[in-house]
Amino acid sequence: MSDAATRLAAVRATIDQAAHVAGRKPEDVTLVAVSKNRPAEAIEELIAAGQRDFGESRVQEAMAKWPDLRDRHPDIRLHMIGRLQSNKAKEAAGLFDVIHSLDRASLRDALVEAGWSGPTYVQVNIGEEEQKGGVPLAELPAFLAALRDTPLAFAGLMGIPPAGVEASPYFALLAKLARRHDVTRLSMGMSGDLRSAVMLGATVVRVGTALFED
């Protein structure tokens, strides 16, 4: 078994264990390998081990790296997980399969204009951090109401807890918001807080370090 396959198996085992403790099905949790700043060779190793969902944070990096990879592996699903500039919406629509970071009206309108039809997650600023993207908590109801009047395929909510603090309360908050707004999918959790994210309802987890570094 390759190092990449060993790391992938360990992450999947963590997901499986957390899901079973929470009374959930492990297959209801999608693992996205965060491949930003990772070379194609490292990505190829994970693909060979069976990983099919990958996440990138920058359109330009993804455009330079992924067309060749996807030619060789057409079943890959590529996720945009970083802050997306409105003027990059058309390029993103042509490259990604899922967008996790819709956080403002200008980007919503740009995606509509670009003809984007893939699953779209709304990023919520669950830590109310000024420097971080995401719809402010107070503005979320109106934002979701307006989004549901567009042709975009609203998939769920995404959130990133503040760094350096216990993540579980923020995951619980995002799950509460999802229930309040009749949302069933939650994109939350990374390498350091994977277990708690799954136990609190994550349906997509975004893992980088645990998959790419020994």
N, C-alpha and C. Protein backbone atom coordinates (compact mmCIF):
# COMPACT_ATOMS: atom_id res chain seq x y z
N MET A 1 0.84 -1.19 0.00
CA MET A 1 0.00 0.00 0.00
C MET A 1 0.88 1.25 0.00
N SER A 2 0.59 2.21 -0.86
CA SER A 2 1.37 3.44 -0.94
C SER A 2 1.12 4.32 0.28
N ASP A 3 2.02 5.29 0.50
CA ASP A 3 1.82 6.23 1.59
C ASP A 3 0.50 6.98 1.44
N ALA A 4 0.19 7.39 0.20
CA ALA A 4 -1.07 8.11 -0.04
C ALA A 4 -2.27 7.24 0.29
N ALA A 5 -2.20 5.96 -0.09
CA ALA A 5 -3.30 5.04 0.20
C ALA A 5 -3.45 4.83 1.70
N THR A 6 -2.32 4.77 2.42
CA THR A 6 -2.37 4.61 3.87
C THR A 6 -3.02 5.81 4.53
N ARG A 7 -2.63 7.01 4.11
CA ARG A 7 -3.22 8.23 4.67
C ARG A 7 -4.71 8.30 4.35
N LEU A 8 -5.08 7.96 3.13
CA LEU A 8 -6.49 7.99 2.74
C LEU A 8 -7.30 7.00 3.57
N ALA A 9 -6.77 5.82 3.77
CA ALA A 9 -7.48 4.82 4.57
C ALA A 9 -7.66 5.29 6.01
N ALA A 10 -6.64 5.97 6.56
CA ALA A 10 -6.74 6.46 7.93
C ALA A 10 -7.82 7.53 8.06
N VAL A 11 -7.88 8.45 7.10
CA VAL A 11 -8.90 9.50 7.14
C VAL A 11 -10.29 8.90 6.99
N ARG A 12 -10.42 7.97 6.08
CA ARG A 12 -11.73 7.33 5.90
C ARG A 12 -12.15 6.55 7.15
N ALA A 13 -11.17 5.94 7.82
CA ALA A 13 -11.49 5.23 9.07
C ALA A 13 -11.98 6.18 10.14
N THR A 14 -11.38 7.37 10.21
CA THR A 14 -11.84 8.39 11.17
C THR A 14 -13.27 8.80 10.87
N ILE A 15 -13.56 9.02 9.60
CA ILE A 15 -14.92 9.37 9.20
C ILE A 15 -15.89 8.26 9.56
N ASP A 16 -15.52 7.02 9.26
CA ASP A 16 -16.39 5.88 9.54
C ASP A 16 -16.67 5.77 11.04
N GLN A 17 -15.64 5.90 11.86
CA GLN A 17 -15.81 5.76 13.30
C GLN A 17 -16.70 6.86 13.87
N ALA A 18 -16.45 8.10 13.43
CA ALA A 18 -17.26 9.22 13.93
C ALA A 18 -18.71 9.09 13.49
N ALA A 19 -18.91 8.65 12.26
CA ALA A 19 -20.28 8.49 11.76
C ALA A 19 -21.02 7.41 12.55
N HIS A 20 -20.37 6.30 12.83
CA HIS A 20 -21.02 5.23 13.58
C HIS A 20 -21.37 5.69 15.00
N VAL A 21 -20.48 6.44 15.64
CA VAL A 21 -20.77 6.95 16.98
C VAL A 21 -22.00 7.85 16.96
N ALA A 22 -22.13 8.63 15.89
CA ALA A 22 -23.24 9.57 15.78
C ALA A 22 -24.50 8.93 15.21
N GLY A 23 -24.45 7.64 14.91
CA GLY A 23 -25.61 6.96 14.35
C GLY A 23 -25.88 7.34 12.91
N ARG A 24 -24.81 7.66 12.18
CA ARG A 24 -24.93 8.06 10.78
C ARG A 24 -24.30 7.02 9.87
N LYS A 25 -24.60 7.11 8.58
CA LYS A 25 -23.97 6.25 7.59
C LYS A 25 -22.70 6.93 7.07
N PRO A 26 -21.55 6.26 7.13
CA PRO A 26 -20.31 6.87 6.63
C PRO A 26 -20.40 7.30 5.18
N GLU A 27 -21.15 6.57 4.39
CA GLU A 27 -21.26 6.92 2.97
C GLU A 27 -22.03 8.21 2.72
N ASP A 28 -22.65 8.76 3.76
CA ASP A 28 -23.34 10.04 3.62
C ASP A 28 -22.38 11.23 3.79
N VAL A 29 -21.11 10.94 4.03
CA VAL A 29 -20.10 11.99 4.19
C VAL A 29 -19.14 11.94 3.01
N THR A 30 -19.08 13.02 2.25
CA THR A 30 -18.16 13.12 1.11
C THR A 30 -16.83 13.70 1.57
N LEU A 31 -15.75 13.00 1.25
CA LEU A 31 -14.41 13.46 1.58
C LEU A 31 -13.83 14.22 0.40
N VAL A 32 -13.54 15.51 0.61
CA VAL A 32 -12.89 16.33 -0.42
C VAL A 32 -11.42 16.50 -0.02
N ALA A 33 -10.53 16.06 -0.88
CA ALA A 33 -9.09 16.22 -0.64
C ALA A 33 -8.67 17.62 -1.07
N VAL A 34 -8.20 18.41 -0.13
CA VAL A 34 -7.82 19.79 -0.43
C VAL A 34 -6.43 19.78 -1.08
N SER A 35 -6.42 20.02 -2.38
CA SER A 35 -5.19 19.86 -3.16
C SER A 35 -4.54 21.19 -3.52
N LYS A 36 -4.99 22.29 -2.92
CA LYS A 36 -4.35 23.57 -3.19
C LYS A 36 -2.88 23.50 -2.78
N ASN A 37 -2.03 24.10 -3.58
CA ASN A 37 -0.59 24.13 -3.34
C ASN A 37 0.07 22.75 -3.37
N ARG A 38 -0.64 21.75 -3.87
CA ARG A 38 -0.07 20.40 -3.98
C ARG A 38 0.27 20.11 -5.43
N PRO A 39 1.40 19.45 -5.69
CA PRO A 39 1.78 19.15 -7.06
C PRO A 39 0.94 18.04 -7.67
N ALA A 40 0.91 17.99 -8.98
CA ALA A 40 0.11 16.99 -9.68
C ALA A 40 0.52 15.57 -9.29
N GLU A 41 1.82 15.37 -9.02
CA GLU A 41 2.29 14.03 -8.68
C GLU A 41 1.65 13.53 -7.38
N ALA A 42 1.54 14.40 -6.39
CA ALA A 42 0.92 14.01 -5.13
C ALA A 42 -0.57 13.75 -5.31
N ILE A 43 -1.20 14.54 -6.15
CA ILE A 43 -2.62 14.34 -6.44
C ILE A 43 -2.84 13.01 -7.15
N GLU A 44 -1.98 12.69 -8.10
CA GLU A 44 -2.08 11.43 -8.83
C GLU A 44 -2.01 10.24 -7.89
N GLU A 45 -1.19 10.34 -6.85
CA GLU A 45 -1.08 9.24 -5.89
C GLU A 45 -2.40 9.00 -5.16
N LEU A 46 -3.07 10.08 -4.79
CA LEU A 46 -4.37 9.93 -4.13
C LEU A 46 -5.43 9.41 -5.09
N ILE A 47 -5.37 9.87 -6.34
CA ILE A 47 -6.32 9.36 -7.34
C ILE A 47 -6.13 7.85 -7.52
N ALA A 48 -4.87 7.42 -7.58
CA ALA A 48 -4.58 6.00 -7.73
C ALA A 48 -5.10 5.20 -6.53
N ALA A 49 -5.15 5.85 -5.36
CA ALA A 49 -5.65 5.18 -4.16
C ALA A 49 -7.17 5.16 -4.08
N GLY A 50 -7.83 5.87 -5.01
CA GLY A 50 -9.29 5.82 -5.07
C GLY A 50 -10.02 7.11 -4.75
N GLN A 51 -9.28 8.17 -4.41
CA GLN A 51 -9.93 9.45 -4.10
C GLN A 51 -10.42 10.12 -5.38
N ARG A 52 -11.63 10.68 -5.34
CA ARG A 52 -12.20 11.28 -6.55
C ARG A 52 -12.68 12.72 -6.37
N ASP A 53 -12.83 13.19 -5.15
CA ASP A 53 -13.26 14.58 -4.92
C ASP A 53 -12.06 15.39 -4.43
N PHE A 54 -11.80 16.52 -5.11
CA PHE A 54 -10.66 17.37 -4.76
C PHE A 54 -11.11 18.82 -4.67
N GLY A 55 -10.44 19.59 -3.80
CA GLY A 55 -10.81 20.98 -3.59
C GLY A 55 -9.65 21.92 -3.84
N GLU A 56 -9.94 23.02 -4.52
CA GLU A 56 -8.96 24.07 -4.79
C GLU A 56 -9.51 25.41 -4.31
N SER A 57 -8.58 26.33 -3.97
CA SER A 57 -8.98 27.63 -3.44
C SER A 57 -8.81 28.78 -4.42
N ARG A 58 -8.04 28.57 -5.47
CA ARG A 58 -7.77 29.64 -6.43
C ARG A 58 -8.05 29.17 -7.85
N VAL A 59 -8.78 29.99 -8.58
CA VAL A 59 -9.15 29.64 -9.94
C VAL A 59 -7.91 29.48 -10.82
N GLN A 60 -6.97 30.41 -10.71
CA GLN A 60 -5.80 30.37 -11.59
C GLN A 60 -4.96 29.12 -11.35
N GLU A 61 -4.77 28.75 -10.10
CA GLU A 61 -4.01 27.53 -9.81
C GLU A 61 -4.73 26.31 -10.35
N ALA A 62 -6.04 26.26 -10.16
CA ALA A 62 -6.81 25.11 -10.65
C ALA A 62 -6.77 25.01 -12.17
N MET A 63 -6.83 26.16 -12.85
CA MET A 63 -6.80 26.15 -14.30
C MET A 63 -5.45 25.67 -14.84
N ALA A 64 -4.39 25.94 -14.10
CA ALA A 64 -3.07 25.51 -14.53
C ALA A 64 -2.83 24.02 -14.27
N LYS A 65 -3.51 23.48 -13.29
CA LYS A 65 -3.19 22.14 -12.81
C LYS A 65 -4.18 21.06 -13.24
N TRP A 66 -5.46 21.41 -13.30
CA TRP A 66 -6.47 20.37 -13.40
C TRP A 66 -6.90 19.93 -14.81
N PRO A 67 -6.85 20.76 -15.83
CA PRO A 67 -7.29 20.25 -17.14
C PRO A 67 -6.58 18.97 -17.57
N ASP A 68 -5.26 18.90 -17.40
CA ASP A 68 -4.53 17.69 -17.77
C ASP A 68 -4.92 16.51 -16.88
N LEU A 69 -5.05 16.78 -15.58
CA LEU A 69 -5.44 15.71 -14.66
C LEU A 69 -6.83 15.17 -15.00
N ARG A 70 -7.73 16.06 -15.35
CA ARG A 70 -9.10 15.61 -15.64
C ARG A 70 -9.19 14.91 -16.99
N ASP A 71 -8.29 15.25 -17.91
CA ASP A 71 -8.25 14.50 -19.16
C ASP A 71 -7.90 13.04 -18.89
N ARG A 72 -7.02 12.82 -17.93
CA ARG A 72 -6.61 11.45 -17.59
C ARG A 72 -7.60 10.78 -16.64
N HIS A 73 -8.33 11.59 -15.88
CA HIS A 73 -9.26 11.03 -14.88
C HIS A 73 -10.59 11.76 -14.98
N PRO A 74 -11.39 11.45 -15.98
CA PRO A 74 -12.62 12.23 -16.22
C PRO A 74 -13.70 12.09 -15.15
N ASP A 75 -13.53 11.15 -14.24
CA ASP A 75 -14.54 10.97 -13.18
C ASP A 75 -14.25 11.81 -11.94
N ILE A 76 -13.22 12.64 -11.98
CA ILE A 76 -12.90 13.51 -10.85
C ILE A 76 -13.99 14.57 -10.68
N ARG A 77 -14.31 14.90 -9.42
CA ARG A 77 -15.20 16.01 -9.09
C ARG A 77 -14.36 17.09 -8.42
N LEU A 78 -14.39 18.29 -9.00
CA LEU A 78 -13.54 19.38 -8.51
C LEU A 78 -14.39 20.41 -7.77
N HIS A 79 -13.97 20.74 -6.57
CA HIS A 79 -14.72 21.63 -5.69
C HIS A 79 -13.96 22.95 -5.51
N MET A 80 -14.66 24.06 -5.67
CA MET A 80 -14.10 25.38 -5.36
C MET A 80 -14.40 25.67 -3.90
N ILE A 81 -13.34 25.73 -3.06
CA ILE A 81 -13.57 25.87 -1.63
C ILE A 81 -13.06 27.20 -1.08
N GLY A 82 -12.39 28.00 -1.91
CA GLY A 82 -11.85 29.27 -1.45
C GLY A 82 -12.72 30.45 -1.84
N ARG A 83 -12.32 31.62 -1.41
CA ARG A 83 -13.04 32.86 -1.75
C ARG A 83 -12.99 33.06 -3.26
N LEU A 84 -14.12 33.21 -3.87
CA LEU A 84 -14.21 33.32 -5.31
C LEU A 84 -14.54 34.76 -5.70
N GLN A 85 -13.67 35.35 -6.51
CA GLN A 85 -13.91 36.69 -7.00
C GLN A 85 -15.02 36.66 -8.06
N SER A 86 -15.87 37.68 -8.03
CA SER A 86 -16.98 37.72 -8.97
C SER A 86 -16.50 37.72 -10.42
N ASN A 87 -15.35 38.36 -10.69
CA ASN A 87 -14.86 38.42 -12.06
C ASN A 87 -14.23 37.10 -12.53
N LYS A 88 -14.16 36.12 -11.63
CA LYS A 88 -13.67 34.79 -11.98
C LYS A 88 -14.81 33.78 -12.09
N ALA A 89 -16.05 34.25 -11.97
CA ALA A 89 -17.19 33.34 -11.94
C ALA A 89 -17.32 32.53 -13.23
N LYS A 90 -17.11 33.17 -14.36
CA LYS A 90 -17.26 32.46 -15.63
C LYS A 90 -16.21 31.37 -15.77
N GLU A 91 -14.96 31.69 -15.39
CA GLU A 91 -13.90 30.69 -15.46
C GLU A 91 -14.18 29.54 -14.49
N ALA A 92 -14.65 29.88 -13.29
CA ALA A 92 -14.96 28.85 -12.30
C ALA A 92 -16.08 27.95 -12.79
N ALA A 93 -17.07 28.54 -13.43
CA ALA A 93 -18.21 27.76 -13.92
C ALA A 93 -17.79 26.74 -14.97
N GLY A 94 -16.72 27.04 -15.69
CA GLY A 94 -16.26 26.12 -16.71
C GLY A 94 -15.32 25.06 -16.21
N LEU A 95 -14.89 25.17 -14.96
CA LEU A 95 -13.88 24.26 -14.44
C LEU A 95 -14.36 23.40 -13.28
N PHE A 96 -15.13 23.98 -12.37
CA PHE A 96 -15.50 23.27 -11.15
C PHE A 96 -16.84 22.55 -11.29
N ASP A 97 -17.03 21.56 -10.41
CA ASP A 97 -18.29 20.83 -10.35
C ASP A 97 -19.17 21.28 -9.19
N VAL A 98 -18.53 21.80 -8.14
CA VAL A 98 -19.24 22.25 -6.94
C VAL A 98 -18.56 23.53 -6.45
N ILE A 99 -19.35 24.49 -5.99
CA ILE A 99 -18.81 25.71 -5.38
C ILE A 99 -19.28 25.77 -3.93
N HIS A 100 -18.33 25.98 -3.01
CA HIS A 100 -18.62 25.96 -1.57
C HIS A 100 -18.62 27.35 -0.95
N SER A 101 -18.37 28.40 -1.71
CA SER A 101 -18.05 29.69 -1.08
C SER A 101 -18.87 30.87 -1.61
N LEU A 102 -20.13 30.63 -1.93
CA LEU A 102 -21.00 31.76 -2.29
C LEU A 102 -21.28 32.56 -1.03
N ASP A 103 -20.91 33.84 -1.04
CA ASP A 103 -21.03 34.62 0.20
C ASP A 103 -21.51 36.06 0.01
N ARG A 104 -21.91 36.42 -1.21
CA ARG A 104 -22.36 37.79 -1.40
C ARG A 104 -23.19 37.88 -2.67
N ALA A 105 -24.00 38.94 -2.75
CA ALA A 105 -24.94 39.08 -3.86
C ALA A 105 -24.23 39.24 -5.20
N SER A 106 -23.11 39.97 -5.22
CA SER A 106 -22.42 40.18 -6.50
C SER A 106 -21.92 38.87 -7.09
N LEU A 107 -21.44 37.97 -6.25
CA LEU A 107 -21.00 36.65 -6.74
C LEU A 107 -22.19 35.82 -7.18
N ARG A 108 -23.27 35.87 -6.42
CA ARG A 108 -24.50 35.17 -6.83
C ARG A 108 -24.92 35.60 -8.22
N ASP A 109 -24.97 36.89 -8.45
CA ASP A 109 -25.40 37.40 -9.75
C ASP A 109 -24.42 37.02 -10.86
N ALA A 110 -23.11 37.03 -10.54
CA ALA A 110 -22.11 36.66 -11.53
C ALA A 110 -22.22 35.18 -11.90
N LEU A 111 -22.54 34.33 -10.94
CA LEU A 111 -22.71 32.91 -11.23
C LEU A 111 -23.95 32.66 -12.07
N VAL A 112 -25.01 33.39 -11.78
CA VAL A 112 -26.22 33.28 -12.60
C VAL A 112 -25.91 33.69 -14.03
N GLU A 113 -25.21 34.80 -14.19
CA GLU A 113 -24.87 35.29 -15.53
C GLU A 113 -23.96 34.31 -16.26
N ALA A 114 -23.10 33.62 -15.51
CA ALA A 114 -22.18 32.66 -16.12
C ALA A 114 -22.86 31.35 -16.48
N GLY A 115 -24.11 31.19 -16.09
CA GLY A 115 -24.83 29.96 -16.38
C GLY A 115 -24.44 28.79 -15.50
N TRP A 116 -23.91 29.09 -14.33
CA TRP A 116 -23.49 28.04 -13.40
C TRP A 116 -24.68 27.20 -12.97
N SER A 117 -24.54 25.88 -13.04
CA SER A 117 -25.66 24.99 -12.72
C SER A 117 -25.29 23.92 -11.70
N GLY A 118 -24.05 23.95 -11.19
CA GLY A 118 -23.64 22.94 -10.23
C GLY A 118 -24.12 23.22 -8.82
N PRO A 119 -23.95 22.25 -7.92
CA PRO A 119 -24.33 22.46 -6.52
C PRO A 119 -23.57 23.65 -5.93
N THR A 120 -24.29 24.47 -5.17
CA THR A 120 -23.73 25.71 -4.65
C THR A 120 -23.98 25.81 -3.15
N TYR A 121 -22.90 25.90 -2.39
CA TYR A 121 -23.00 26.07 -0.93
C TYR A 121 -22.86 27.54 -0.57
N VAL A 122 -23.61 27.97 0.40
CA VAL A 122 -23.49 29.32 0.93
C VAL A 122 -22.55 29.30 2.11
N GLN A 123 -21.48 30.09 2.04
CA GLN A 123 -20.55 30.18 3.15
C GLN A 123 -21.09 31.16 4.18
N VAL A 124 -21.14 30.71 5.42
CA VAL A 124 -21.64 31.52 6.53
C VAL A 124 -20.47 31.92 7.43
N ASN A 125 -20.42 33.15 7.82
CA ASN A 125 -19.36 33.62 8.72
C ASN A 125 -19.73 33.25 10.15
N ILE A 126 -19.54 31.97 10.47
CA ILE A 126 -20.03 31.45 11.75
C ILE A 126 -19.26 32.00 12.94
N GLY A 127 -18.04 32.49 12.71
CA GLY A 127 -17.27 33.07 13.80
C GLY A 127 -17.38 34.58 13.87
N GLU A 128 -18.17 35.16 12.97
CA GLU A 128 -18.36 36.62 12.89
C GLU A 128 -17.01 37.34 12.88
N GLU A 129 -16.12 36.86 12.00
CA GLU A 129 -14.78 37.43 11.87
C GLU A 129 -14.74 38.42 10.71
N GLU A 130 -14.29 39.61 10.98
CA GLU A 130 -14.29 40.65 9.96
C GLU A 130 -13.41 40.31 8.77
N GLN A 131 -12.31 39.59 9.01
CA GLN A 131 -11.35 39.33 7.95
C GLN A 131 -11.72 38.10 7.12
N LYS A 132 -12.76 37.40 7.49
CA LYS A 132 -13.09 36.14 6.83
C LYS A 132 -14.35 36.30 5.97
N GLY A 133 -14.37 35.60 4.83
CA GLY A 133 -15.55 35.62 3.98
C GLY A 133 -16.71 34.89 4.63
N GLY A 134 -17.87 35.07 4.05
CA GLY A 134 -19.06 34.41 4.55
C GLY A 134 -20.19 35.39 4.79
N VAL A 135 -21.40 34.93 4.61
CA VAL A 135 -22.57 35.78 4.86
C VAL A 135 -22.69 36.01 6.37
N PRO A 136 -22.83 37.26 6.82
CA PRO A 136 -23.02 37.52 8.25
C PRO A 136 -24.27 36.81 8.77
N LEU A 137 -24.23 36.39 10.01
CA LEU A 137 -25.35 35.63 10.57
C LEU A 137 -26.66 36.39 10.46
N ALA A 138 -26.64 37.67 10.73
CA ALA A 138 -27.88 38.45 10.71
C ALA A 138 -28.46 38.58 9.31
N GLU A 139 -27.62 38.44 8.30
CA GLU A 139 -28.08 38.62 6.92
C GLU A 139 -28.44 37.31 6.23
N LEU A 140 -28.19 36.19 6.91
CA LEU A 140 -28.39 34.90 6.26
C LEU A 140 -29.84 34.64 5.81
N PRO A 141 -30.86 34.90 6.63
CA PRO A 141 -32.23 34.62 6.16
C PRO A 141 -32.57 35.34 4.86
N ALA A 142 -32.25 36.62 4.77
CA ALA A 142 -32.57 37.36 3.55
C ALA A 142 -31.74 36.87 2.38
N PHE A 143 -30.49 36.53 2.64
CA PHE A 143 -29.62 36.04 1.56
C PHE A 143 -30.16 34.73 0.98
N LEU A 144 -30.56 33.83 1.85
CA LEU A 144 -31.08 32.54 1.37
C LEU A 144 -32.41 32.72 0.65
N ALA A 145 -33.24 33.61 1.14
CA ALA A 145 -34.52 33.85 0.47
C ALA A 145 -34.30 34.36 -0.94
N ALA A 146 -33.35 35.29 -1.11
CA ALA A 146 -33.04 35.83 -2.44
C ALA A 146 -32.42 34.75 -3.32
N LEU A 147 -31.56 33.92 -2.74
CA LEU A 147 -30.90 32.86 -3.51
C LEU A 147 -31.92 31.88 -4.06
N ARG A 148 -32.92 31.57 -3.27
CA ARG A 148 -33.92 30.58 -3.71
C ARG A 148 -34.82 31.12 -4.82
N ASP A 149 -34.72 32.40 -5.10
CA ASP A 149 -35.46 32.98 -6.22
C ASP A 149 -34.62 33.01 -7.50
N THR A 150 -33.41 32.43 -7.46
CA THR A 150 -32.54 32.39 -8.64
C THR A 150 -32.51 30.96 -9.17
N PRO A 151 -31.94 30.76 -10.37
CA PRO A 151 -31.82 29.39 -10.91
C PRO A 151 -30.67 28.59 -10.32
N LEU A 152 -29.89 29.17 -9.42
CA LEU A 152 -28.76 28.44 -8.84
C LEU A 152 -29.25 27.26 -8.00
N ALA A 153 -28.47 26.18 -8.02
CA ALA A 153 -28.81 24.97 -7.28
C ALA A 153 -28.24 25.06 -5.86
N PHE A 154 -29.04 25.54 -4.95
CA PHE A 154 -28.61 25.72 -3.56
C PHE A 154 -28.44 24.35 -2.92
N ALA A 155 -27.19 24.03 -2.51
CA ALA A 155 -26.90 22.69 -2.00
C ALA A 155 -26.88 22.62 -0.49
N GLY A 156 -26.38 23.66 0.18
CA GLY A 156 -26.25 23.61 1.62
C GLY A 156 -25.44 24.77 2.16
N LEU A 157 -24.98 24.63 3.40
CA LEU A 157 -24.21 25.68 4.07
C LEU A 157 -22.77 25.22 4.29
N MET A 158 -21.85 26.17 4.22
CA MET A 158 -20.44 25.91 4.51
C MET A 158 -19.97 26.87 5.58
N GLY A 159 -19.10 26.39 6.46
CA GLY A 159 -18.56 27.27 7.49
C GLY A 159 -17.16 26.86 7.91
N ILE A 160 -16.36 27.85 8.32
CA ILE A 160 -15.00 27.63 8.81
C ILE A 160 -14.90 28.27 10.19
N PRO A 161 -14.68 27.49 11.24
CA PRO A 161 -14.56 28.07 12.58
C PRO A 161 -13.33 28.95 12.70
N PRO A 162 -13.31 29.85 13.67
CA PRO A 162 -12.10 30.63 13.92
C PRO A 162 -10.92 29.72 14.26
N ALA A 163 -9.74 30.14 13.90
CA ALA A 163 -8.55 29.35 14.20
C ALA A 163 -8.21 29.41 15.68
N GLY A 164 -7.68 28.31 16.18
CA GLY A 164 -7.16 28.30 17.53
C GLY A 164 -8.18 28.13 18.64
N VAL A 165 -9.42 27.82 18.30
CA VAL A 165 -10.44 27.61 19.32
C VAL A 165 -11.14 26.28 19.04
N GLU A 166 -11.88 25.79 20.02
CA GLU A 166 -12.64 24.57 19.85
C GLU A 166 -13.69 24.76 18.76
N ALA A 167 -13.68 23.86 17.78
CA ALA A 167 -14.54 24.03 16.60
C ALA A 167 -15.98 23.57 16.83
N SER A 168 -16.19 22.65 17.77
CA SER A 168 -17.51 22.02 17.90
C SER A 168 -18.67 23.00 18.06
N PRO A 169 -18.56 24.05 18.89
CA PRO A 169 -19.69 24.96 19.02
C PRO A 169 -20.06 25.64 17.70
N TYR A 170 -19.07 25.89 16.86
CA TYR A 170 -19.34 26.54 15.58
C TYR A 170 -19.99 25.56 14.60
N PHE A 171 -19.56 24.29 14.66
CA PHE A 171 -20.23 23.28 13.84
C PHE A 171 -21.68 23.11 14.30
N ALA A 172 -21.89 23.12 15.59
CA ALA A 172 -23.25 22.99 16.12
C ALA A 172 -24.11 24.17 15.68
N LEU A 173 -23.52 25.36 15.66
CA LEU A 173 -24.25 26.53 15.19
C LEU A 173 -24.64 26.39 13.72
N LEU A 174 -23.69 25.95 12.89
CA LEU A 174 -24.00 25.79 11.47
C LEU A 174 -25.10 24.75 11.27
N ALA A 175 -25.04 23.66 12.03
CA ALA A 175 -26.08 22.64 11.94
C ALA A 175 -27.44 23.18 12.37
N LYS A 176 -27.44 24.02 13.39
CA LYS A 176 -28.69 24.64 13.85
C LYS A 176 -29.26 25.56 12.77
N LEU A 177 -28.39 26.33 12.13
CA LEU A 177 -28.84 27.21 11.04
C LEU A 177 -29.40 26.39 9.88
N ALA A 178 -28.76 25.26 9.60
CA ALA A 178 -29.25 24.40 8.52
C ALA A 178 -30.65 23.90 8.81
N ARG A 179 -30.89 23.46 10.03
CA ARG A 179 -32.23 22.99 10.39
C ARG A 179 -33.25 24.11 10.31
N ARG A 180 -32.84 25.29 10.75
CA ARG A 180 -33.75 26.43 10.74
C ARG A 180 -34.17 26.81 9.33
N HIS A 181 -33.26 26.63 8.39
CA HIS A 181 -33.53 27.05 7.02
C HIS A 181 -33.80 25.87 6.09
N ASP A 182 -34.11 24.71 6.68
CA ASP A 182 -34.50 23.52 5.91
C ASP A 182 -33.41 23.13 4.91
N VAL A 183 -32.19 23.04 5.43
CA VAL A 183 -31.02 22.66 4.63
C VAL A 183 -30.51 21.32 5.15
N THR A 184 -30.13 20.43 4.26
CA THR A 184 -29.72 19.09 4.68
C THR A 184 -28.23 18.81 4.50
N ARG A 185 -27.51 19.67 3.78
CA ARG A 185 -26.10 19.40 3.53
C ARG A 185 -25.22 20.46 4.17
N LEU A 186 -24.14 19.99 4.81
CA LEU A 186 -23.23 20.86 5.54
C LEU A 186 -21.79 20.58 5.13
N SER A 187 -21.11 21.58 4.64
CA SER A 187 -19.70 21.48 4.29
C SER A 187 -18.90 22.10 5.42
N MET A 188 -18.32 21.24 6.27
CA MET A 188 -17.59 21.74 7.44
C MET A 188 -16.65 20.65 7.93
N GLY A 189 -15.53 21.08 8.50
CA GLY A 189 -14.57 20.15 9.05
C GLY A 189 -13.34 20.00 8.18
N MET A 190 -12.16 20.03 8.84
CA MET A 190 -10.88 19.86 8.15
C MET A 190 -10.04 18.85 8.95
N SER A 191 -8.76 18.75 8.62
CA SER A 191 -7.93 17.70 9.23
C SER A 191 -7.98 17.71 10.75
N GLY A 192 -7.90 18.88 11.37
CA GLY A 192 -7.79 18.96 12.82
C GLY A 192 -9.08 18.79 13.58
N ASP A 193 -10.22 18.92 12.90
CA ASP A 193 -11.51 18.83 13.60
C ASP A 193 -12.49 17.92 12.87
N LEU A 194 -11.93 16.97 12.13
CA LEU A 194 -12.73 16.09 11.29
C LEU A 194 -13.76 15.29 12.08
N ARG A 195 -13.32 14.71 13.17
CA ARG A 195 -14.21 13.83 13.94
C ARG A 195 -15.43 14.59 14.47
N SER A 196 -15.21 15.75 15.08
CA SER A 196 -16.34 16.49 15.64
C SER A 196 -17.26 16.99 14.54
N ALA A 197 -16.71 17.34 13.38
CA ALA A 197 -17.55 17.80 12.28
C ALA A 197 -18.51 16.71 11.83
N VAL A 198 -17.98 15.50 11.68
CA VAL A 198 -18.84 14.39 11.25
C VAL A 198 -19.89 14.08 12.31
N MET A 199 -19.50 14.09 13.56
CA MET A 199 -20.46 13.79 14.63
C MET A 199 -21.55 14.84 14.73
N LEU A 200 -21.26 16.06 14.28
CA LEU A 200 -22.25 17.14 14.37
C LEU A 200 -22.99 17.37 13.05
N GLY A 201 -22.81 16.46 12.07
CA GLY A 201 -23.67 16.51 10.90
C GLY A 201 -23.05 16.85 9.58
N ALA A 202 -21.72 16.97 9.51
CA ALA A 202 -21.10 17.29 8.22
C ALA A 202 -21.46 16.26 7.16
N THR A 203 -21.81 16.73 5.98
CA THR A 203 -22.00 15.83 4.85
C THR A 203 -20.87 15.96 3.84
N VAL A 204 -20.05 17.02 3.98
CA VAL A 204 -18.82 17.19 3.20
C VAL A 204 -17.73 17.65 4.16
N VAL A 205 -16.59 16.99 4.12
CA VAL A 205 -15.43 17.42 4.90
C VAL A 205 -14.30 17.73 3.94
N ARG A 206 -13.50 18.73 4.28
CA ARG A 206 -12.44 19.23 3.38
C ARG A 206 -11.10 19.00 4.08
N VAL A 207 -10.36 17.99 3.64
CA VAL A 207 -9.16 17.54 4.36
C VAL A 207 -7.94 17.67 3.46
N GLY A 208 -6.93 18.38 3.97
CA GLY A 208 -5.70 18.55 3.20
C GLY A 208 -4.52 17.89 3.86
N THR A 209 -4.07 18.44 4.99
CA THR A 209 -2.84 17.98 5.65
C THR A 209 -2.84 16.49 5.91
N ALA A 210 -3.91 15.94 6.44
CA ALA A 210 -3.95 14.52 6.80
C ALA A 210 -3.86 13.61 5.59
N LEU A 211 -4.16 14.13 4.42
CA LEU A 211 -4.11 13.30 3.20
C LEU A 211 -2.81 13.46 2.44
N PHE A 212 -2.14 14.59 2.61
CA PHE A 212 -0.96 14.86 1.78
C PHE A 212 0.36 14.84 2.55
N GLU A 213 0.31 14.85 3.89
CA GLU A 213 1.54 14.93 4.67
C GLU A 213 1.64 13.80 5.66
N ASP A 214 2.82 13.21 5.78
CA ASP A 214 3.05 12.13 6.72
C ASP A 214 3.16 12.67 8.15
